Amino acid sequence: MASKDEPAPEATNPAKVDPILRNALRFTVSAKEYKLLHQYLINRSPPAVQKRAPQPRRYESIVHSKNDYNAAAVRASLRVFLATQTGLKLWDVISTKLLSKGKPRQIKSKAPLWQSPNLRLSLSLSLILLFHRLLHRFFTRLRANLLGQNAQPFRRRNPRVSRILVSKLSPAVGASLAGFFLGVYPGNQLRITIAIYIMTRALEFLYNALEGDGWFTDRPWWFGSWMLAPPVMGQLLHAFVFDRDCCPKAFSDFNMKYTANYIQRRPEDYPTDLSWPGIYEVVDALGKISQLQWPLFVSPILFPAAKTLPASLSAIAPITDPAHPALKPLSCALLHPDDPSCLRTYITYYIRTFPSIAKLFTLLLTALSLPRYKTFMKNPLASTDKLVKSILRLSLFITGALGTSWGSICLFQQIFSRSFLPTQRWFLGGFLGGIWAFLERKNGRGNFLYGARASIDSLWKVGVKRGWWSGVRNGDVWLFVAGLMLVNVVFEVDAKAVSGGLLRKGLGSLRGEGFVDRAVTQERKLDKETGEKEHAYEDTK
């Protein structure tokens, strides 16, 4: 006889459940997830809650469906929406309550809910996931149907369309059209950054695939991603001097923080009632000096009655007026007014700057290595040696890049005429500084690609500002779709070319294949097939 606590037999019939409630449950929690939820949460809740909550078998009978793919896609999309919305809301609270202490609070005008950037970002990402899964499923089924015998008449009537749709890559390409939902988010810097990131990662994966196919077997030993650094450093330095509004703020701030040897700060004992140019005024003055084709320095100490500065450079007089009379170029009088030797200034820069940069990267790289503490415990000497070498290489690379970029301006005064590439030599100086990336050629690929993304963004803005090219309406969305398409194609052809197991699992989840590493599963499948063939061969002997 059944006990009173057991549900009645007819209660297990899913037909008795309201269809709206059944669909709501299907699109919220799957049967497996509810089983875990019931095991770890509901069973430990008060008895009243346990009685009202259905048992896992009862729940499974309610939400059971022959095809759970669409429901799973909706569930994943809703969770992405809720997770991103919660994360963005939490970041707003942290940034306004904690990080902005002591700063004047900006009063934001209240906008309608549907115009909220956070809401539209969450909605954009969730729709991309949802339609990427649905489109991938649709084109996969369409391809399977077109390959069947019943579709021969269609293939004869439409040979070109059929060749496209039955291609192995058609689901990957078709699913990428979901990237157009990035346009739901308003066009701003974040959307541009996302588009550039996806495209550069797609090109990186394409390079990995080509390298795996043997396209670069005869490349020289020095060839590598470090070669991105010289043009990137040159472009960013040129934009920093002439188009600072198009230069990444992080690069500008870092550049100014660690170039005190060249960009003169206000002395502590300088009278408060006298003016002193700010650090960015000094940089602007260097840009004007290069546009004036690097005029010579006329020392007020030797020629007190002469006009020593052009009217457009009068703001730097507090720095250049007491400069050493032996200095000849005006730029040198502005960069190192107390020392007539450019070489000594360059060497002094390394002595003063390298320790502070090494201290910064010691803290940063040590913090990043904490998750790998088990490796350190197994072999502390080797791990410490590897960490110290990484700190020294990266510190010397950054110090050398910044020092050479600024020091080369003095070098060019000695080897170039004043009219030779007056403004373009800023790019050349940055290019020379970027050659220091050779020290990090084995481990700095991520840093070089990060710099390349920042440079692409800066170069595009400079081009639009100067009229070299015009912006395309929603061009960042098209770039995102193209990048996503290339990533999907490379992932379909060669999953190993997508570097990073976590990223491969993310792409698998984006396609609805589950949070699995496709490269690992393919390798296991290949090993299994190889083992079966070897076993069959041994049986035939």
Protein backbone atom coordinates (compact mmCIF):
# COMPACT_ATOMS: atom_id res chain seq x y z
CA MET A 1 0.00 0.00 0.00
CA ALA A 2 1.31 3.47 -0.91
CA SER A 3 2.11 5.84 1.92
CA LYS A 4 0.45 9.22 2.34
CA ASP A 5 3.62 11.08 1.37
CA GLU A 6 3.87 9.42 -2.05
CA PRO A 7 2.25 11.27 -4.96
CA ALA A 8 -0.81 9.84 -6.57
CA PRO A 9 -0.19 7.78 -9.72
CA GLU A 10 -2.06 10.23 -11.96
CA ALA A 11 0.12 13.11 -10.74
CA THR A 12 3.01 11.72 -12.74
CA ASN A 13 1.12 12.27 -15.97
CA PRO A 14 2.64 15.32 -17.68
CA ALA A 15 -0.66 15.95 -19.46
CA LYS A 16 -2.09 17.16 -16.11
CA VAL A 17 0.50 19.98 -15.98
CA ASP A 18 -0.32 23.35 -17.50
CA PRO A 19 1.48 23.68 -20.89
CA ILE A 20 2.71 27.18 -20.08
CA LEU A 21 4.17 25.98 -16.79
CA ARG A 22 5.75 22.95 -18.50
CA ASN A 23 7.48 25.13 -21.11
CA ALA A 24 8.59 27.60 -18.46
CA LEU A 25 10.20 24.76 -16.51
CA ARG A 26 11.85 23.31 -19.63
CA PHE A 27 13.38 26.66 -20.53
CA THR A 28 14.59 27.28 -16.98
CA VAL A 29 16.14 24.11 -15.53
CA SER A 30 16.86 20.77 -17.19
CA ALA A 31 16.08 17.43 -15.55
CA LYS A 32 19.75 16.75 -14.72
CA GLU A 33 20.21 20.21 -13.26
CA TYR A 34 17.04 19.87 -11.18
CA LYS A 35 18.27 16.53 -9.84
CA LEU A 36 21.47 18.17 -8.60
CA LEU A 37 19.50 21.13 -7.27
CA HIS A 38 17.17 18.77 -5.42
CA GLN A 39 20.06 16.76 -4.03
CA TYR A 40 22.17 19.61 -2.68
CA LEU A 41 19.62 22.34 -1.96
CA ILE A 42 16.01 21.22 -1.72
CA ASN A 43 16.76 18.16 0.46
CA ARG A 44 18.39 20.49 2.99
CA SER A 45 15.55 23.01 2.98
CA PRO A 46 12.63 23.11 5.48
CA PRO A 47 10.07 20.25 5.28
CA ALA A 48 7.38 22.56 3.90
CA VAL A 49 9.57 23.35 0.89
CA GLN A 50 10.45 19.68 0.36
CA LYS A 51 6.76 18.68 0.25
CA ARG A 52 5.88 21.32 -2.33
CA ALA A 53 8.89 20.63 -4.56
CA PRO A 54 8.42 17.74 -7.04
CA GLN A 55 10.72 14.75 -6.96
CA PRO A 56 13.38 14.47 -9.72
CA ARG A 57 11.46 11.68 -11.52
CA ARG A 58 8.27 13.72 -11.40
CA TYR A 59 10.12 16.77 -12.74
CA GLU A 60 11.72 14.69 -15.51
CA SER A 61 8.31 13.42 -16.63
CA ILE A 62 7.00 16.99 -16.73
CA VAL A 63 9.81 18.50 -18.84
CA HIS A 64 10.51 15.40 -20.95
CA SER A 65 10.79 16.14 -24.67
CA LYS A 66 12.12 14.28 -27.69
CA ASN A 67 14.14 17.33 -28.75
CA ASP A 68 15.67 19.38 -25.94
CA TYR A 69 18.14 21.27 -28.15
CA ASN A 70 16.08 24.47 -28.50
CA ALA A 71 15.19 24.48 -24.81
CA ALA A 72 18.86 24.05 -23.90
CA ALA A 73 19.78 26.96 -26.18
CA VAL A 74 17.19 29.19 -24.53
CA ARG A 75 18.39 28.12 -21.06
CA ALA A 76 21.99 28.95 -21.90
CA SER A 77 20.96 32.28 -23.41
CA LEU A 78 18.94 33.27 -20.34
CA ARG A 79 21.84 32.38 -18.05
CA VAL A 80 24.28 34.45 -20.08
CA PHE A 81 21.85 37.37 -19.88
CA LEU A 82 21.43 37.05 -16.12
CA ALA A 83 25.14 36.47 -15.46
CA THR A 84 26.31 39.44 -17.53
CA GLN A 85 23.58 41.70 -16.18
CA THR A 86 24.50 40.76 -12.60
CA GLY A 87 28.21 41.20 -13.27
CA LEU A 88 27.75 44.62 -14.88
CA LYS A 89 25.49 45.76 -12.05
CA LEU A 90 28.04 44.60 -9.51
CA TRP A 91 30.81 46.43 -11.38
CA ASP A 92 28.74 49.62 -11.36
CA VAL A 93 28.36 49.36 -7.60
CA ILE A 94 32.08 48.70 -7.09
CA SER A 95 33.16 51.51 -9.41
CA THR A 96 30.78 54.09 -7.93
CA LYS A 97 30.98 53.15 -4.25
CA LEU A 98 34.55 51.94 -3.79
CA LEU A 99 36.80 53.04 -6.66
CA SER A 100 35.45 56.60 -6.83
CA LYS A 101 35.99 57.52 -3.18
CA GLY A 102 37.28 61.06 -2.86
CA LYS A 103 36.34 61.91 -6.44
CA PRO A 104 33.43 64.14 -7.43
CA ARG A 105 30.48 61.91 -8.27
CA GLN A 106 29.07 62.38 -11.75
CA ILE A 107 25.31 62.74 -11.87
CA LYS A 108 23.98 60.50 -14.63
CA SER A 109 20.70 61.34 -16.27
CA LYS A 110 18.14 58.56 -15.97
CA ALA A 111 17.42 56.93 -19.30
CA PRO A 112 14.65 54.47 -20.18
CA LEU A 113 15.39 50.85 -19.33
CA TRP A 114 15.60 49.78 -22.96
CA GLN A 115 18.32 52.38 -23.56
CA SER A 116 20.53 51.10 -20.75
CA PRO A 117 23.97 50.11 -22.15
CA ASN A 118 24.31 47.30 -19.60
CA LEU A 119 20.94 45.83 -20.51
CA ARG A 120 21.67 46.04 -24.23
CA LEU A 121 25.11 44.44 -23.79
CA SER A 122 23.59 41.53 -21.87
CA LEU A 123 20.82 41.21 -24.44
CA SER A 124 23.33 41.31 -27.31
CA LEU A 125 25.54 38.55 -25.88
CA SER A 126 22.59 36.32 -25.01
CA LEU A 127 21.07 36.70 -28.49
CA ILE A 128 24.41 35.92 -30.13
CA LEU A 129 24.62 32.67 -28.16
CA LEU A 130 20.98 31.72 -28.81
CA PHE A 131 20.98 32.31 -32.56
CA HIS A 132 24.47 30.91 -33.04
CA ARG A 133 23.23 27.60 -31.65
CA LEU A 134 19.95 27.69 -33.59
CA LEU A 135 21.61 28.64 -36.89
CA HIS A 136 24.32 26.00 -36.47
CA ARG A 137 21.64 23.37 -35.88
CA PHE A 138 19.58 24.63 -38.83
CA PHE A 139 22.42 24.58 -41.35
CA THR A 140 23.66 21.21 -40.08
CA ARG A 141 20.22 19.66 -40.65
CA LEU A 142 19.82 21.44 -43.98
CA ARG A 143 23.16 20.09 -45.17
CA ALA A 144 22.22 16.55 -44.09
CA ASN A 145 18.90 16.77 -45.95
CA LEU A 146 20.51 18.14 -49.12
CA LEU A 147 23.01 15.28 -49.13
CA GLY A 148 20.17 12.76 -49.16
CA GLN A 149 18.77 11.00 -52.23
CA ASN A 150 15.50 12.92 -52.07
CA ALA A 151 17.32 16.22 -52.65
CA GLN A 152 18.86 15.24 -56.02
CA PRO A 153 16.31 17.25 -58.07
CA PHE A 154 17.07 20.35 -56.03
CA ARG A 155 20.82 19.84 -56.45
CA ARG A 156 20.39 19.55 -60.24
CA ARG A 157 18.29 22.71 -60.49
CA ASN A 158 20.53 24.77 -58.18
CA PRO A 159 24.10 23.49 -58.50
CA ARG A 160 25.84 26.60 -57.14
CA VAL A 161 23.57 27.02 -54.14
CA SER A 162 23.79 23.30 -53.43
CA ARG A 163 27.60 23.34 -53.46
CA ILE A 164 27.53 26.13 -50.87
CA LEU A 165 24.92 24.54 -48.62
CA VAL A 166 26.38 21.01 -48.67
CA SER A 167 29.87 22.27 -47.90
CA LYS A 168 31.37 21.04 -44.67
CA LEU A 169 31.86 24.66 -43.63
CA SER A 170 28.29 25.83 -44.27
CA PRO A 171 27.10 25.34 -40.64
CA ALA A 172 30.15 27.21 -39.32
CA VAL A 173 29.65 30.10 -41.75
CA GLY A 174 25.87 30.23 -41.33
CA ALA A 175 26.05 30.23 -37.52
CA SER A 176 28.39 33.23 -37.63
CA LEU A 177 25.54 35.38 -38.92
CA ALA A 178 24.41 35.52 -35.30
CA GLY A 179 27.24 38.00 -34.80
CA PHE A 180 25.03 40.72 -36.27
CA PHE A 181 23.24 40.82 -32.91
CA LEU A 182 26.29 42.71 -31.62
CA GLY A 183 24.52 45.67 -33.18
CA VAL A 184 21.97 45.54 -30.36
CA TYR A 185 24.64 47.10 -28.16
CA PRO A 186 25.20 50.82 -28.87
CA GLY A 187 28.23 51.65 -30.95
CA ASN A 188 31.00 52.77 -28.58
CA GLN A 189 34.58 51.91 -27.70
CA LEU A 190 33.69 48.57 -26.11
CA ARG A 191 31.97 47.35 -29.27
CA ILE A 192 34.98 48.38 -31.36
CA THR A 193 37.32 46.63 -28.94
CA ILE A 194 35.28 43.41 -29.10
CA ALA A 195 35.29 43.45 -32.90
CA ILE A 196 39.04 44.06 -33.15
CA TYR A 197 39.74 41.38 -30.54
CA ILE A 198 37.72 38.72 -32.37
CA MET A 199 39.31 39.55 -35.73
CA THR A 200 42.88 39.51 -34.40
CA ARG A 201 42.29 36.24 -32.59
CA ALA A 202 40.81 34.81 -35.78
CA LEU A 203 43.95 35.80 -37.72
CA GLU A 204 46.07 34.27 -34.96
CA PHE A 205 44.18 30.97 -35.24
CA LEU A 206 44.49 31.07 -39.04
CA TYR A 207 48.24 31.49 -38.67
CA ASN A 208 48.32 28.52 -36.27
CA ALA A 209 46.42 26.40 -38.80
CA LEU A 210 48.75 27.37 -41.64
CA GLU A 211 51.76 26.72 -39.45
CA GLY A 212 50.38 23.29 -38.57
CA ASP A 213 50.01 22.54 -42.29
CA GLY A 214 53.69 23.32 -42.85
CA TRP A 215 53.40 26.70 -44.55
CA PHE A 216 56.20 28.24 -42.47
CA THR A 217 58.66 25.39 -42.14
CA ASP A 218 61.47 27.35 -43.82
CA ARG A 219 61.03 30.58 -41.88
CA PRO A 220 64.19 32.09 -40.33
CA TRP A 221 64.86 31.50 -36.62
CA TRP A 222 64.24 35.14 -35.71
CA PHE A 223 60.81 35.31 -37.36
CA GLY A 224 57.93 35.59 -34.92
CA SER A 225 55.20 37.65 -33.34
CA TRP A 226 57.76 39.98 -31.75
CA MET A 227 58.03 41.66 -35.16
CA LEU A 228 54.63 43.24 -34.50
CA ALA A 229 56.12 45.37 -31.72
CA PRO A 230 58.28 47.81 -33.80
CA PRO A 231 55.46 49.12 -36.07
CA VAL A 232 53.00 49.06 -33.16
CA MET A 233 55.33 51.08 -30.93
CA GLY A 234 56.04 53.49 -33.77
CA GLN A 235 52.38 54.10 -34.52
CA LEU A 236 51.41 54.54 -30.87
CA LEU A 237 54.25 56.99 -30.19
CA HIS A 238 53.37 59.04 -33.27
CA ALA A 239 49.70 59.10 -32.24
CA PHE A 240 50.71 60.02 -28.68
CA VAL A 241 52.56 63.10 -29.87
CA PHE A 242 50.24 64.34 -32.64
CA ASP A 243 46.83 62.67 -32.07
CA ARG A 244 46.60 61.98 -28.36
CA ASP A 245 42.81 61.76 -28.50
CA CYS A 246 43.29 58.69 -30.74
CA CYS A 247 45.93 57.07 -28.52
CA PRO A 248 44.98 54.56 -25.78
CA LYS A 249 44.93 56.30 -22.41
CA ALA A 250 46.74 53.38 -20.77
CA PHE A 251 49.69 53.84 -23.15
CA SER A 252 49.76 57.61 -22.55
CA ASP A 253 49.67 57.27 -18.77
CA PHE A 254 52.30 54.52 -18.67
CA ASN A 255 54.54 56.46 -21.04
CA MET A 256 54.39 59.58 -18.90
CA LYS A 257 54.85 57.71 -15.62
CA TYR A 258 58.14 56.13 -16.62
CA THR A 259 59.76 58.88 -18.70
CA ALA A 260 60.48 61.43 -15.97
CA ASN A 261 64.09 61.56 -17.15
CA TYR A 262 62.97 63.10 -20.47
CA ILE A 263 59.68 64.85 -19.65
CA GLN A 264 60.63 67.47 -17.07
CA ARG A 265 58.39 67.75 -14.01
CA ARG A 266 57.86 70.87 -11.94
CA PRO A 267 60.64 71.10 -9.32
CA GLU A 268 59.47 70.89 -5.72
CA ASP A 269 61.22 74.16 -4.81
CA TYR A 270 59.89 76.04 -7.83
CA PRO A 271 57.94 79.18 -6.83
CA THR A 272 54.21 78.59 -6.79
CA ASP A 273 53.44 81.99 -8.32
CA LEU A 274 55.36 81.12 -11.51
CA SER A 275 53.97 78.99 -14.32
CA TRP A 276 55.40 75.63 -15.35
CA PRO A 277 54.24 73.58 -18.36
CA GLY A 278 52.39 70.37 -17.68
CA ILE A 279 53.74 67.05 -18.90
CA TYR A 280 51.34 66.93 -21.84
CA GLU A 281 52.15 70.54 -22.72
CA VAL A 282 55.77 69.43 -23.02
CA VAL A 283 54.74 66.63 -25.38
CA ASP A 284 52.65 69.08 -27.44
CA ALA A 285 55.65 71.38 -27.62
CA LEU A 286 57.81 68.52 -28.94
CA GLY A 287 55.21 67.97 -31.67
CA LYS A 288 55.33 71.66 -32.60
CA ILE A 289 59.14 71.57 -32.62
CA SER A 290 59.08 68.71 -35.12
CA GLN A 291 56.51 70.55 -37.27
CA LEU A 292 58.86 73.57 -37.26
CA GLN A 293 61.59 71.23 -38.56
CA TRP A 294 63.60 71.03 -35.37
CA PRO A 295 64.90 74.60 -34.81
CA LEU A 296 68.17 75.20 -33.02
CA PHE A 297 68.40 76.30 -29.41
CA VAL A 298 69.31 79.91 -28.70
CA SER A 299 70.36 80.14 -25.06
CA PRO A 300 69.03 83.20 -23.15
CA ILE A 301 72.09 82.88 -20.93
CA LEU A 302 74.40 83.69 -23.86
CA PHE A 303 72.00 85.94 -25.79
CA PRO A 304 69.74 87.61 -23.24
CA ALA A 305 68.47 90.20 -25.72
CA ALA A 306 67.70 87.75 -28.53
CA LYS A 307 64.35 86.10 -29.24
CA THR A 308 65.05 82.56 -28.13
CA LEU A 309 61.68 80.83 -28.67
CA PRO A 310 58.94 81.01 -31.30
CA ALA A 311 55.66 82.49 -30.06
CA SER A 312 53.92 79.08 -30.26
CA LEU A 313 56.48 77.59 -27.83
CA SER A 314 56.51 80.30 -25.18
CA ALA A 315 54.95 77.90 -22.63
CA ILE A 316 58.18 75.87 -22.37
CA ALA A 317 60.33 78.89 -21.51
CA PRO A 318 60.59 77.89 -17.80
CA ILE A 319 62.37 74.70 -18.93
CA THR A 320 64.51 75.93 -21.82
CA ASP A 321 65.57 79.37 -20.50
CA PRO A 322 67.92 77.96 -17.82
CA ALA A 323 69.06 75.05 -20.05
CA HIS A 324 72.75 74.33 -20.52
CA PRO A 325 74.22 76.70 -23.15
CA ALA A 326 76.16 73.86 -24.79
CA LEU A 327 72.95 72.28 -26.06
CA LYS A 328 72.32 72.86 -29.76
CA PRO A 329 68.89 71.39 -30.73
CA LEU A 330 65.86 72.96 -29.06
CA SER A 331 64.41 69.49 -28.50
CA CYS A 332 67.44 68.50 -26.42
CA ALA A 333 67.10 71.67 -24.35
CA LEU A 334 63.51 70.62 -23.63
CA LEU A 335 64.19 66.90 -23.00
CA HIS A 336 67.34 67.16 -20.86
CA PRO A 337 68.06 70.83 -20.07
CA ASP A 338 70.55 70.13 -17.26
CA ASP A 339 72.81 67.72 -19.15
CA PRO A 340 74.45 68.60 -22.49
CA SER A 341 75.21 64.92 -23.22
CA CYS A 342 72.44 62.97 -24.95
CA LEU A 343 74.25 59.67 -24.35
CA ARG A 344 74.67 60.30 -20.63
CA THR A 345 70.98 61.16 -20.38
CA TYR A 346 70.09 57.91 -22.16
CA ILE A 347 72.22 55.82 -19.81
CA THR A 348 70.90 57.67 -16.76
CA TYR A 349 67.36 56.85 -17.87
CA TYR A 350 68.08 53.11 -17.57
CA ILE A 351 69.68 53.52 -14.15
CA ARG A 352 66.69 55.44 -12.79
CA THR A 353 63.79 53.70 -14.54
CA PHE A 354 64.72 50.02 -14.67
CA PRO A 355 64.38 49.38 -10.89
CA SER A 356 60.86 50.87 -10.73
CA ILE A 357 59.67 48.93 -13.79
CA ALA A 358 61.27 45.73 -12.46
CA LYS A 359 59.45 46.26 -9.15
CA LEU A 360 56.13 46.69 -10.99
CA PHE A 361 56.51 43.47 -13.00
CA THR A 362 57.79 41.57 -9.97
CA LEU A 363 54.51 42.25 -8.19
CA LEU A 364 52.44 41.60 -11.30
CA LEU A 365 54.08 38.36 -12.48
CA THR A 366 54.31 37.00 -8.95
CA ALA A 367 50.58 37.55 -8.47
CA LEU A 368 49.83 35.88 -11.81
CA SER A 369 51.95 32.87 -10.86
CA LEU A 370 50.06 32.19 -7.60
CA PRO A 371 47.52 29.82 -9.26
CA ARG A 372 50.49 27.63 -10.24
CA TYR A 373 51.69 27.24 -6.66
CA LYS A 374 51.63 23.42 -6.93
CA THR A 375 54.30 23.55 -9.63
CA PHE A 376 56.35 25.84 -7.42
CA MET A 377 56.07 23.45 -4.47
CA LYS A 378 57.27 20.53 -6.58
CA ASN A 379 60.34 22.34 -7.95
CA PRO A 380 60.85 25.69 -6.20
CA LEU A 381 64.33 26.43 -7.58
CA ALA A 382 63.40 25.92 -11.23
CA SER A 383 60.12 27.83 -10.82
CA THR A 384 61.85 30.76 -9.11
CA ASP A 385 64.56 30.84 -11.77
CA LYS A 386 61.92 30.89 -14.54
CA LEU A 387 59.96 33.66 -12.80
CA VAL A 388 63.05 35.82 -12.25
CA LYS A 389 64.11 35.47 -15.88
CA SER A 390 60.62 36.44 -17.06
CA ILE A 391 60.66 39.53 -14.82
CA LEU A 392 64.08 40.62 -16.05
CA ARG A 393 63.30 40.08 -19.73
CA LEU A 394 59.99 41.91 -19.60
CA SER A 395 61.40 44.77 -17.51
CA LEU A 396 64.36 45.23 -19.84
CA PHE A 397 62.07 45.10 -22.87
CA ILE A 398 59.73 47.82 -21.55
CA THR A 399 62.58 49.99 -20.24
CA GLY A 400 64.52 49.68 -23.48
CA ALA A 401 61.46 50.34 -25.63
CA LEU A 402 60.54 53.56 -23.81
CA GLY A 403 64.12 54.79 -23.40
CA THR A 404 65.09 54.12 -27.01
CA SER A 405 61.90 55.72 -28.34
CA TRP A 406 62.66 59.00 -26.58
CA GLY A 407 66.44 58.81 -26.84
CA SER A 408 66.27 58.27 -30.59
CA ILE A 409 64.96 61.84 -30.99
CA CYS A 410 68.36 63.06 -29.85
CA LEU A 411 70.06 60.50 -32.11
CA PHE A 412 68.15 61.68 -35.17
CA GLN A 413 69.30 65.26 -34.51
CA GLN A 414 72.85 64.04 -35.03
CA ILE A 415 72.40 61.90 -38.15
CA PHE A 416 69.48 63.54 -40.01
CA SER A 417 69.12 66.98 -41.48
CA ARG A 418 66.45 69.15 -39.91
CA SER A 419 64.14 68.84 -42.91
CA PHE A 420 64.41 65.06 -43.30
CA LEU A 421 61.23 63.34 -42.06
CA PRO A 422 60.57 66.02 -39.43
CA THR A 423 57.39 64.46 -38.02
CA GLN A 424 57.77 60.88 -39.26
CA ARG A 425 60.89 60.38 -37.17
CA TRP A 426 58.62 59.90 -34.18
CA PHE A 427 57.42 56.73 -35.86
CA LEU A 428 61.02 55.72 -36.55
CA GLY A 429 61.93 56.31 -32.91
CA GLY A 430 59.10 54.12 -31.71
CA PHE A 431 60.05 51.51 -34.31
CA LEU A 432 63.60 51.36 -32.93
CA GLY A 433 62.23 51.07 -29.40
CA GLY A 434 59.99 48.18 -30.43
CA ILE A 435 63.01 46.13 -31.53
CA TRP A 436 63.65 45.46 -27.84
CA ALA A 437 60.71 43.03 -28.11
CA PHE A 438 63.25 40.54 -29.47
CA LEU A 439 64.08 39.76 -25.82
CA GLU A 440 60.51 38.54 -25.29
CA ARG A 441 60.17 36.71 -28.62
CA LYS A 442 59.51 33.33 -26.97
CA ASN A 443 56.98 34.31 -24.30
CA GLY A 444 55.49 37.64 -25.30
CA ARG A 445 53.01 36.68 -28.01
CA GLY A 446 49.99 37.70 -25.94
CA ASN A 447 51.52 41.08 -25.13
CA PHE A 448 52.43 41.72 -28.77
CA LEU A 449 48.91 40.89 -29.94
CA TYR A 450 47.44 43.13 -27.23
CA GLY A 451 49.62 45.98 -28.50
CA ALA A 452 48.62 45.22 -32.09
CA ARG A 453 44.92 45.49 -31.18
CA ALA A 454 45.50 48.83 -29.46
CA SER A 455 47.48 50.08 -32.47
CA ILE A 456 44.80 49.02 -34.97
CA ASP A 457 42.17 50.88 -32.98
CA SER A 458 44.38 53.97 -32.74
CA LEU A 459 45.37 53.91 -36.41
CA TRP A 460 41.74 53.65 -37.52
CA LYS A 461 40.77 56.65 -35.40
CA VAL A 462 43.72 58.67 -36.68
CA GLY A 463 42.76 57.85 -40.28
CA VAL A 464 39.17 58.91 -39.73
CA LYS A 465 40.28 62.10 -37.98
CA ARG A 466 42.68 63.09 -40.76
CA GLY A 467 40.39 62.04 -43.59
CA TRP A 468 42.51 59.15 -44.86
CA TRP A 469 39.40 57.00 -44.92
CA SER A 470 35.80 57.37 -43.85
CA GLY A 471 34.04 55.27 -41.26
CA VAL A 472 31.57 52.60 -42.34
CA ARG A 473 28.18 52.52 -40.65
CA ASN A 474 28.21 49.58 -38.21
CA GLY A 475 31.59 48.57 -39.63
CA ASP A 476 32.62 47.13 -36.29
CA VAL A 477 29.65 44.74 -36.41
CA TRP A 478 30.64 43.56 -39.90
CA LEU A 479 34.21 43.11 -38.66
CA PHE A 480 32.94 41.07 -35.71
CA VAL A 481 30.88 38.83 -37.99
CA ALA A 482 33.85 38.29 -40.33
CA GLY A 483 36.12 37.47 -37.38
CA LEU A 484 33.59 35.08 -35.86
CA MET A 485 33.17 33.41 -39.25
CA LEU A 486 36.92 32.90 -39.59
CA VAL A 487 37.17 31.52 -36.05
CA ASN A 488 34.37 29.03 -36.74
CA VAL A 489 35.92 27.93 -40.03
CA VAL A 490 39.36 27.37 -38.47
CA PHE A 491 37.76 25.54 -35.54
CA GLU A 492 35.86 23.30 -37.95
CA VAL A 493 38.92 22.48 -40.06
CA ASP A 494 41.54 22.20 -37.32
CA ALA A 495 40.37 22.50 -33.72
CA LYS A 496 43.95 22.42 -32.41
CA ALA A 497 44.68 25.69 -34.21
CA VAL A 498 42.42 27.45 -31.69
CA SER A 499 44.90 27.92 -28.88
CA GLY A 500 43.59 27.39 -25.36
CA GLY A 501 41.50 24.50 -24.07
CA LEU A 502 39.08 26.84 -22.29
CA LEU A 503 38.47 28.78 -25.50
CA ARG A 504 37.84 25.56 -27.45
CA LYS A 505 35.35 24.49 -24.80
CA GLY A 506 33.66 27.88 -25.10
CA LEU A 507 33.34 27.49 -28.87
CA GLY A 508 31.90 24.01 -28.36
CA SER A 509 29.32 25.43 -25.97
CA LEU A 510 28.57 28.23 -28.43
CA ARG A 511 27.72 25.59 -31.03
CA GLY A 512 25.62 23.55 -28.63
CA GLU A 513 28.09 20.65 -28.52
CA GLY A 514 28.63 20.96 -24.78
CA PHE A 515 31.48 22.34 -22.70
CA VAL A 516 34.04 19.92 -24.15
CA ASP A 517 37.43 20.31 -25.76
CA ARG A 518 36.93 19.23 -29.35
CA ALA A 519 40.66 18.83 -30.00
CA VAL A 520 41.00 16.40 -27.09
CA THR A 521 37.96 14.36 -28.12
CA GLN A 522 39.19 14.15 -31.72
CA GLU A 523 42.62 13.05 -30.54
CA ARG A 524 41.11 10.37 -28.32
CA LYS A 525 38.90 9.17 -31.14
CA LEU A 526 41.90 8.98 -33.47
CA ASP A 527 43.93 7.07 -30.90
CA LYS A 528 41.04 4.65 -30.39
CA GLU A 529 40.69 4.03 -34.14
CA THR A 530 44.44 3.56 -34.46
CA GLY A 531 44.43 1.07 -31.58
CA GLU A 532 41.54 -0.89 -33.12
CA LYS A 533 43.36 -1.09 -36.47
CA GLU A 534 46.55 -2.28 -34.79
CA HIS A 535 44.57 -4.84 -32.80
CA ALA A 536 42.81 -6.08 -35.96
CA TYR A 537 46.17 -6.30 -37.75
CA GLU A 538 47.62 -8.39 -34.92
CA ASP A 539 44.62 -10.72 -35.05
CA THR A 540 45.18 -11.38 -38.74
CA LYS A 541 48.75 -12.57 -38.17
